[in-house]
Amino acid sequence: MKIKKRHLAGLVGLTLLGLLALGTDWLKQAPAQTHDVLVDAMTSATHPSKLSELERAMRDKGQDLPFVVVGWITELAPDSQEEGEPVQHFTVKLLNHQRLTIAHRIQAGKPTPKLAKGQELLIRGRYFWTPEGGELRGTYTGPGADGWLRQGHTNYF
């Protein structure tokens, strides 16, 4: 079957009009970051929160706000005891170059093995403002928390 050039041009034009009619929301669904994020189909909350929302929480001294962030470990601190439970502490650098402290309760959640500087993590927790910039807590699943850490393709609840 031979298609004339003007018919082909019309077909292409109609296809473009159809895409425009759908709106541009499908374009916005692509991540704004250029870094790859290893995300399995775990929950709908695996998509990182908008950095502008986190920046607003930091600026407004937000407390107990849910966030999902992508970060690269910059500092590892020794485990500590909080309320009688061991807690892993480390700092991550976010895509906007801000730093965020992570407090992962080991008994409530599974401790992450082999944490190392430069390692990428996807983290879901609750943001609490601190004078140092903020801390993400509740990175486990249990009473009062529904967070997790993801290292590679492994989830730590």
N, C-alpha and C. Protein backbone atom coordinates (compact mmCIF):
# COMPACT_ATOMS: atom_id res chain seq x y z
N MET A 1 0.85 -1.18 0.00
CA MET A 1 0.00 0.00 0.00
C MET A 1 0.89 1.24 0.00
N LYS A 2 0.63 2.13 -0.94
CA LYS A 2 1.43 3.33 -1.08
C LYS A 2 0.69 4.50 -0.45
N ILE A 3 1.39 5.22 0.43
CA ILE A 3 0.78 6.37 1.10
C ILE A 3 1.37 7.64 0.48
N LYS A 4 0.48 8.55 0.10
CA LYS A 4 0.94 9.80 -0.47
C LYS A 4 1.52 10.68 0.63
N LYS A 5 2.46 11.55 0.23
CA LYS A 5 3.13 12.41 1.20
C LYS A 5 2.16 13.29 1.97
N ARG A 6 1.17 13.81 1.28
CA ARG A 6 0.23 14.70 1.99
C ARG A 6 -0.63 13.92 2.98
N HIS A 7 -0.93 12.65 2.70
CA HIS A 7 -1.67 11.82 3.64
C HIS A 7 -0.82 11.51 4.87
N LEU A 8 0.47 11.23 4.61
CA LEU A 8 1.40 10.95 5.71
C LEU A 8 1.57 12.18 6.59
N ALA A 9 1.69 13.34 5.98
CA ALA A 9 1.81 14.58 6.74
C ALA A 9 0.56 14.82 7.58
N GLY A 10 -0.60 14.53 7.00
CA GLY A 10 -1.85 14.68 7.74
C GLY A 10 -1.94 13.72 8.92
N LEU A 11 -1.48 12.49 8.71
CA LEU A 11 -1.48 11.49 9.78
C LEU A 11 -0.55 11.91 10.92
N VAL A 12 0.62 12.40 10.57
CA VAL A 12 1.56 12.88 11.59
C VAL A 12 0.96 14.07 12.33
N GLY A 13 0.34 14.97 11.60
CA GLY A 13 -0.29 16.14 12.22
C GLY A 13 -1.40 15.74 13.18
N LEU A 14 -2.23 14.79 12.77
CA LEU A 14 -3.30 14.33 13.65
C LEU A 14 -2.75 13.65 14.90
N THR A 15 -1.67 12.90 14.74
CA THR A 15 -1.05 12.25 15.89
C THR A 15 -0.54 13.29 16.87
N LEU A 16 0.12 14.33 16.37
CA LEU A 16 0.62 15.40 17.24
C LEU A 16 -0.52 16.14 17.93
N LEU A 17 -1.60 16.40 17.19
CA LEU A 17 -2.76 17.06 17.81
C LEU A 17 -3.36 16.19 18.91
N GLY A 18 -3.41 14.90 18.66
CA GLY A 18 -3.93 13.98 19.67
C GLY A 18 -3.09 14.01 20.94
N LEU A 19 -1.77 14.02 20.77
CA LEU A 19 -0.89 14.09 21.94
C LEU A 19 -1.07 15.41 22.69
N LEU A 20 -1.22 16.51 21.95
CA LEU A 20 -1.46 17.80 22.60
C LEU A 20 -2.80 17.82 23.33
N ALA A 21 -3.80 17.15 22.75
CA ALA A 21 -5.12 17.10 23.38
C ALA A 21 -5.07 16.36 24.71
N LEU A 22 -4.15 15.40 24.80
CA LEU A 22 -4.01 14.67 26.07
C LEU A 22 -3.44 15.56 27.16
N GLY A 23 -2.85 16.65 26.78
CA GLY A 23 -2.23 17.54 27.74
C GLY A 23 -0.76 17.20 27.88
N THR A 24 -0.07 18.00 28.65
CA THR A 24 1.36 17.80 28.81
C THR A 24 1.70 17.12 30.12
N ASP A 25 0.71 16.62 30.86
CA ASP A 25 0.99 15.95 32.14
C ASP A 25 1.87 14.74 31.95
N TRP A 26 1.74 14.04 30.83
CA TRP A 26 2.57 12.86 30.63
C TRP A 26 4.03 13.23 30.53
N LEU A 27 4.34 14.46 30.08
CA LEU A 27 5.73 14.91 30.03
C LEU A 27 6.27 15.16 31.43
N LYS A 28 5.41 15.64 32.32
CA LYS A 28 5.83 15.97 33.68
C LYS A 28 6.11 14.73 34.52
N GLN A 29 5.64 13.57 34.08
CA GLN A 29 5.82 12.35 34.85
C GLN A 29 7.26 11.86 34.81
N ALA A 30 8.04 12.29 33.85
CA ALA A 30 9.45 11.87 33.80
C ALA A 30 10.20 12.54 34.93
N PRO A 31 11.10 11.84 35.60
CA PRO A 31 11.83 12.45 36.70
C PRO A 31 12.68 13.62 36.22
N ALA A 32 12.71 14.68 37.03
CA ALA A 32 13.48 15.85 36.68
C ALA A 32 14.97 15.61 36.87
N GLN A 33 15.32 14.64 37.70
CA GLN A 33 16.72 14.37 37.97
C GLN A 33 17.32 13.55 36.83
N THR A 34 18.61 13.67 36.67
CA THR A 34 19.29 12.90 35.64
C THR A 34 19.92 11.65 36.21
N HIS A 35 19.86 11.47 37.53
CA HIS A 35 20.44 10.31 38.17
C HIS A 35 19.46 9.14 38.09
N ASP A 36 19.99 7.95 37.88
CA ASP A 36 19.15 6.76 37.89
C ASP A 36 18.78 6.42 39.32
N VAL A 37 17.55 6.03 39.54
CA VAL A 37 17.10 5.60 40.85
C VAL A 37 16.61 4.17 40.69
N LEU A 38 17.16 3.27 41.47
CA LEU A 38 16.75 1.88 41.39
C LEU A 38 15.48 1.71 42.22
N VAL A 39 14.36 1.60 41.55
CA VAL A 39 13.07 1.51 42.24
C VAL A 39 12.34 0.27 41.76
N ASP A 40 12.05 -0.64 42.67
CA ASP A 40 11.21 -1.78 42.35
C ASP A 40 9.76 -1.36 42.54
N ALA A 41 8.84 -2.18 42.09
CA ALA A 41 7.42 -1.87 42.27
C ALA A 41 7.02 -2.25 43.68
N MET A 42 7.36 -1.43 44.68
CA MET A 42 7.06 -1.74 46.07
C MET A 42 5.77 -1.06 46.50
N THR A 43 5.74 0.25 46.37
CA THR A 43 4.53 1.01 46.69
C THR A 43 4.48 2.21 45.77
N SER A 44 3.39 2.92 45.80
CA SER A 44 3.30 4.13 44.99
C SER A 44 4.14 5.23 45.59
N ALA A 45 4.62 5.06 46.80
CA ALA A 45 5.41 6.09 47.46
C ALA A 45 6.90 5.95 47.19
N THR A 46 7.29 5.20 46.17
CA THR A 46 8.70 5.05 45.88
C THR A 46 9.23 6.20 45.03
N HIS A 47 8.37 7.08 44.57
CA HIS A 47 8.83 8.21 43.78
C HIS A 47 9.36 9.29 44.72
N PRO A 48 10.56 9.78 44.46
CA PRO A 48 11.10 10.82 45.34
C PRO A 48 10.19 12.04 45.42
N SER A 49 10.14 12.62 46.60
CA SER A 49 9.36 13.84 46.81
C SER A 49 10.02 14.98 46.04
N LYS A 50 9.24 15.99 45.73
CA LYS A 50 9.79 17.14 45.04
C LYS A 50 10.75 17.85 45.98
N LEU A 51 11.94 18.16 45.47
CA LEU A 51 12.94 18.81 46.31
C LEU A 51 12.46 20.18 46.79
N SER A 52 11.62 20.85 46.01
CA SER A 52 11.11 22.15 46.44
C SER A 52 10.27 22.01 47.71
N GLU A 53 9.55 20.89 47.84
CA GLU A 53 8.75 20.67 49.06
C GLU A 53 9.66 20.44 50.26
N LEU A 54 10.74 19.69 50.06
CA LEU A 54 11.68 19.46 51.14
C LEU A 54 12.41 20.75 51.51
N GLU A 55 12.79 21.54 50.51
CA GLU A 55 13.44 22.82 50.77
C GLU A 55 12.51 23.74 51.57
N ARG A 56 11.21 23.72 51.25
CA ARG A 56 10.23 24.52 51.98
C ARG A 56 10.13 24.04 53.43
N ALA A 57 10.13 22.72 53.63
CA ALA A 57 10.06 22.17 54.99
C ALA A 57 11.30 22.59 55.79
N MET A 58 12.46 22.58 55.15
CA MET A 58 13.69 23.01 55.83
C MET A 58 13.61 24.49 56.19
N ARG A 59 13.17 25.30 55.25
CA ARG A 59 13.08 26.75 55.47
C ARG A 59 12.05 27.09 56.54
N ASP A 60 10.91 26.37 56.52
CA ASP A 60 9.81 26.67 57.45
C ASP A 60 9.90 25.89 58.76
N LYS A 61 11.01 25.18 58.97
CA LYS A 61 11.23 24.40 60.19
C LYS A 61 10.11 23.37 60.40
N GLY A 62 9.80 22.64 59.35
CA GLY A 62 8.73 21.65 59.37
C GLY A 62 9.00 20.52 60.35
N GLN A 63 7.95 19.93 60.83
CA GLN A 63 8.04 18.83 61.78
C GLN A 63 7.11 17.70 61.38
N ASP A 64 7.61 16.47 61.41
CA ASP A 64 6.81 15.26 61.20
C ASP A 64 6.12 15.24 59.83
N LEU A 65 6.90 15.49 58.79
CA LEU A 65 6.37 15.52 57.42
C LEU A 65 6.90 14.33 56.62
N PRO A 66 6.03 13.61 55.90
CA PRO A 66 6.50 12.44 55.14
C PRO A 66 7.25 12.84 53.88
N PHE A 67 8.38 12.15 53.63
CA PHE A 67 9.18 12.41 52.43
C PHE A 67 9.83 11.13 51.95
N VAL A 68 10.07 11.07 50.65
CA VAL A 68 10.89 10.03 50.03
C VAL A 68 12.02 10.79 49.34
N VAL A 69 13.26 10.45 49.69
CA VAL A 69 14.40 11.17 49.12
C VAL A 69 15.40 10.19 48.53
N VAL A 70 16.17 10.70 47.58
CA VAL A 70 17.32 9.98 47.04
C VAL A 70 18.54 10.71 47.57
N GLY A 71 19.48 9.96 48.13
CA GLY A 71 20.67 10.60 48.66
C GLY A 71 21.88 9.70 48.56
N TRP A 72 23.04 10.34 48.61
CA TRP A 72 24.31 9.63 48.59
C TRP A 72 24.99 9.85 49.92
N ILE A 73 25.43 8.78 50.55
CA ILE A 73 26.01 8.85 51.89
C ILE A 73 27.30 9.67 51.84
N THR A 74 27.36 10.67 52.74
CA THR A 74 28.56 11.50 52.84
C THR A 74 29.28 11.29 54.17
N GLU A 75 28.55 10.91 55.21
CA GLU A 75 29.16 10.70 56.53
C GLU A 75 28.48 9.53 57.21
N LEU A 76 29.27 8.74 57.90
CA LEU A 76 28.75 7.65 58.73
C LEU A 76 29.10 7.97 60.18
N ALA A 77 28.11 7.95 61.05
CA ALA A 77 28.33 8.21 62.47
C ALA A 77 28.18 6.89 63.22
N PRO A 78 28.80 6.81 64.39
CA PRO A 78 28.63 5.58 65.18
C PRO A 78 27.16 5.41 65.61
N ASP A 79 26.76 4.15 65.78
CA ASP A 79 25.41 3.89 66.27
C ASP A 79 25.27 4.49 67.66
N SER A 80 24.05 4.90 68.00
CA SER A 80 23.80 5.48 69.31
C SER A 80 22.59 4.80 69.94
N GLN A 81 22.27 5.18 71.15
CA GLN A 81 21.09 4.69 71.86
C GLN A 81 20.11 5.84 71.99
N GLU A 82 18.89 5.63 71.53
CA GLU A 82 17.82 6.62 71.70
C GLU A 82 16.61 5.89 72.24
N GLU A 83 16.14 6.34 73.38
CA GLU A 83 15.00 5.71 74.04
C GLU A 83 15.25 4.22 74.24
N GLY A 84 16.49 3.87 74.56
CA GLY A 84 16.84 2.49 74.86
C GLY A 84 17.01 1.59 73.65
N GLU A 85 16.98 2.15 72.44
CA GLU A 85 17.13 1.34 71.23
C GLU A 85 18.31 1.84 70.41
N PRO A 86 19.05 0.93 69.77
CA PRO A 86 20.16 1.35 68.92
C PRO A 86 19.66 2.02 67.63
N VAL A 87 20.38 3.06 67.22
CA VAL A 87 20.00 3.84 66.04
C VAL A 87 21.24 4.03 65.16
N GLN A 88 21.10 3.73 63.87
CA GLN A 88 22.14 4.02 62.89
C GLN A 88 21.99 5.47 62.46
N HIS A 89 23.10 6.21 62.44
CA HIS A 89 23.08 7.61 61.99
C HIS A 89 24.02 7.75 60.81
N PHE A 90 23.56 8.44 59.77
CA PHE A 90 24.42 8.78 58.66
C PHE A 90 23.83 10.00 57.96
N THR A 91 24.66 10.65 57.18
CA THR A 91 24.24 11.86 56.46
C THR A 91 24.27 11.57 54.97
N VAL A 92 23.23 12.06 54.29
CA VAL A 92 23.18 11.91 52.84
C VAL A 92 23.17 13.29 52.18
N LYS A 93 23.72 13.33 50.99
CA LYS A 93 23.68 14.53 50.16
C LYS A 93 22.57 14.32 49.14
N LEU A 94 21.64 15.26 49.07
CA LEU A 94 20.50 15.17 48.17
C LEU A 94 20.86 15.71 46.79
N LEU A 95 19.96 15.56 45.84
CA LEU A 95 20.18 16.04 44.48
C LEU A 95 20.40 17.54 44.42
N ASN A 96 19.83 18.28 45.38
CA ASN A 96 20.01 19.74 45.41
C ASN A 96 21.25 20.13 46.22
N HIS A 97 22.08 19.15 46.58
CA HIS A 97 23.33 19.32 47.31
C HIS A 97 23.15 19.65 48.78
N GLN A 98 21.93 19.67 49.28
CA GLN A 98 21.72 19.85 50.71
C GLN A 98 21.99 18.53 51.41
N ARG A 99 22.30 18.62 52.68
CA ARG A 99 22.59 17.42 53.47
C ARG A 99 21.44 17.17 54.43
N LEU A 100 21.20 15.89 54.67
CA LEU A 100 20.10 15.47 55.54
C LEU A 100 20.60 14.31 56.40
N THR A 101 20.35 14.38 57.69
CA THR A 101 20.74 13.30 58.60
C THR A 101 19.65 12.25 58.61
N ILE A 102 20.05 10.99 58.62
CA ILE A 102 19.11 9.87 58.68
C ILE A 102 19.32 9.17 60.01
N ALA A 103 18.22 8.91 60.71
CA ALA A 103 18.26 8.16 61.96
C ALA A 103 17.41 6.91 61.76
N HIS A 104 18.07 5.75 61.61
CA HIS A 104 17.39 4.49 61.32
C HIS A 104 17.45 3.61 62.57
N ARG A 105 16.29 3.38 63.20
CA ARG A 105 16.23 2.54 64.40
C ARG A 105 16.46 1.09 64.02
N ILE A 106 17.52 0.51 64.58
CA ILE A 106 17.95 -0.83 64.17
C ILE A 106 17.01 -1.92 64.67
N GLN A 107 16.54 -1.84 65.91
CA GLN A 107 15.67 -2.91 66.41
C GLN A 107 14.31 -2.87 65.74
N ALA A 108 13.81 -1.67 65.46
CA ALA A 108 12.51 -1.57 64.80
C ALA A 108 12.63 -1.96 63.34
N GLY A 109 13.71 -1.54 62.70
CA GLY A 109 13.95 -1.86 61.31
C GLY A 109 15.16 -2.77 61.20
N LYS A 110 15.39 -3.27 60.02
CA LYS A 110 16.53 -4.14 59.79
C LYS A 110 17.76 -3.25 59.53
N PRO A 111 18.88 -3.47 60.24
CA PRO A 111 20.05 -2.62 59.98
C PRO A 111 20.57 -2.84 58.57
N THR A 112 21.00 -1.77 57.96
CA THR A 112 21.52 -1.87 56.60
C THR A 112 22.97 -2.32 56.65
N PRO A 113 23.33 -3.36 55.95
CA PRO A 113 24.73 -3.80 55.94
C PRO A 113 25.57 -2.96 54.98
N LYS A 114 26.84 -2.91 55.22
CA LYS A 114 27.81 -2.34 54.28
C LYS A 114 27.49 -0.92 53.84
N LEU A 115 27.11 -0.05 54.76
CA LEU A 115 26.94 1.35 54.38
C LEU A 115 28.32 1.92 54.11
N ALA A 116 28.43 2.68 53.03
CA ALA A 116 29.72 3.26 52.66
C ALA A 116 29.49 4.65 52.05
N LYS A 117 30.48 5.51 52.20
CA LYS A 117 30.40 6.83 51.60
C LYS A 117 30.22 6.70 50.09
N GLY A 118 29.38 7.57 49.54
CA GLY A 118 29.13 7.56 48.10
C GLY A 118 28.00 6.64 47.68
N GLN A 119 27.52 5.81 48.59
CA GLN A 119 26.47 4.85 48.25
C GLN A 119 25.12 5.55 48.10
N GLU A 120 24.35 5.15 47.09
CA GLU A 120 23.04 5.73 46.83
C GLU A 120 21.96 4.97 47.60
N LEU A 121 21.05 5.73 48.22
CA LEU A 121 19.92 5.14 48.94
C LEU A 121 18.64 5.86 48.55
N LEU A 122 17.56 5.13 48.54
CA LEU A 122 16.22 5.70 48.44
C LEU A 122 15.63 5.54 49.83
N ILE A 123 15.13 6.63 50.41
CA ILE A 123 14.74 6.62 51.82
C ILE A 123 13.35 7.22 51.98
N ARG A 124 12.51 6.50 52.73
CA ARG A 124 11.19 7.03 53.07
C ARG A 124 11.12 7.16 54.58
N GLY A 125 10.78 8.35 55.03
CA GLY A 125 10.67 8.60 56.46
C GLY A 125 9.93 9.89 56.73
N ARG A 126 10.07 10.38 57.95
CA ARG A 126 9.39 11.59 58.35
C ARG A 126 10.44 12.64 58.69
N TYR A 127 10.28 13.83 58.10
CA TYR A 127 11.23 14.91 58.26
C TYR A 127 10.95 15.69 59.54
N PHE A 128 12.02 15.97 60.28
CA PHE A 128 11.96 16.82 61.46
C PHE A 128 13.07 17.85 61.33
N TRP A 129 12.72 19.13 61.43
CA TRP A 129 13.70 20.19 61.33
C TRP A 129 14.64 20.14 62.53
N THR A 130 15.91 20.40 62.28
CA THR A 130 16.92 20.58 63.32
C THR A 130 17.77 21.78 62.90
N PRO A 131 18.49 22.40 63.84
CA PRO A 131 19.34 23.54 63.46
C PRO A 131 20.40 23.17 62.41
N GLU A 132 20.75 21.89 62.30
CA GLU A 132 21.73 21.44 61.31
C GLU A 132 21.11 21.25 59.93
N GLY A 133 19.81 21.40 59.79
CA GLY A 133 19.16 21.26 58.49
C GLY A 133 18.01 20.28 58.48
N GLY A 134 18.06 19.27 59.30
CA GLY A 134 16.94 18.36 59.37
C GLY A 134 17.36 16.92 59.50
N GLU A 135 16.40 16.11 59.91
CA GLU A 135 16.65 14.69 60.12
C GLU A 135 15.43 13.91 59.61
N LEU A 136 15.71 12.80 58.97
CA LEU A 136 14.65 11.90 58.53
C LEU A 136 14.61 10.74 59.52
N ARG A 137 13.45 10.55 60.15
CA ARG A 137 13.26 9.48 61.14
C ARG A 137 12.12 8.59 60.65
N GLY A 138 11.86 7.54 61.42
CA GLY A 138 10.75 6.64 61.07
C GLY A 138 11.02 5.91 59.77
N THR A 139 12.27 5.54 59.54
CA THR A 139 12.66 4.87 58.30
C THR A 139 12.51 3.36 58.44
N TYR A 140 11.51 2.94 59.17
CA TYR A 140 11.21 1.53 59.40
C TYR A 140 9.69 1.40 59.42
N THR A 141 9.21 0.18 59.42
CA THR A 141 7.77 -0.06 59.48
C THR A 141 7.45 -0.64 60.85
N GLY A 142 6.57 -0.01 61.55
CA GLY A 142 6.19 -0.46 62.88
C GLY A 142 5.26 0.56 63.51
N PRO A 143 5.05 0.46 64.82
CA PRO A 143 4.17 1.43 65.48
C PRO A 143 4.65 2.86 65.26
N GLY A 144 3.80 3.66 64.69
CA GLY A 144 4.10 5.07 64.48
C GLY A 144 5.02 5.37 63.31
N ALA A 145 5.33 4.37 62.49
CA ALA A 145 6.24 4.61 61.35
C ALA A 145 5.85 3.73 60.17
N ASP A 146 6.03 4.26 58.98
CA ASP A 146 5.76 3.48 57.77
C ASP A 146 6.85 3.74 56.73
N GLY A 147 8.09 3.83 57.18
CA GLY A 147 9.18 4.15 56.29
C GLY A 147 10.02 2.94 55.93
N TRP A 148 11.09 3.20 55.17
CA TRP A 148 12.02 2.17 54.76
C TRP A 148 13.26 2.81 54.17
N LEU A 149 14.29 2.01 54.04
CA LEU A 149 15.50 2.36 53.29
C LEU A 149 15.61 1.38 52.15
N ARG A 150 16.08 1.82 51.01
CA ARG A 150 16.32 0.90 49.91
C ARG A 150 17.76 1.09 49.45
N GLN A 151 18.49 0.00 49.49
CA GLN A 151 19.88 -0.01 49.06
C GLN A 151 19.96 -1.00 47.91
N GLY A 152 20.24 -0.51 46.71
CA GLY A 152 20.20 -1.38 45.54
C GLY A 152 18.76 -1.86 45.35
N HIS A 153 18.57 -3.18 45.34
CA HIS A 153 17.21 -3.73 45.21
C HIS A 153 16.73 -4.35 46.51
N THR A 154 17.35 -3.99 47.63
CA THR A 154 16.97 -4.56 48.92
C THR A 154 16.31 -3.51 49.78
N ASN A 155 15.17 -3.84 50.35
CA ASN A 155 14.43 -2.95 51.23
C ASN A 155 14.73 -3.28 52.67
N TYR A 156 14.89 -2.25 53.48
CA TYR A 156 15.12 -2.41 54.93
C TYR A 156 13.99 -1.65 55.63
N PHE A 157 13.13 -2.41 56.30
CA PHE A 157 11.93 -1.83 56.92
C PHE A 157 12.19 -1.50 58.37
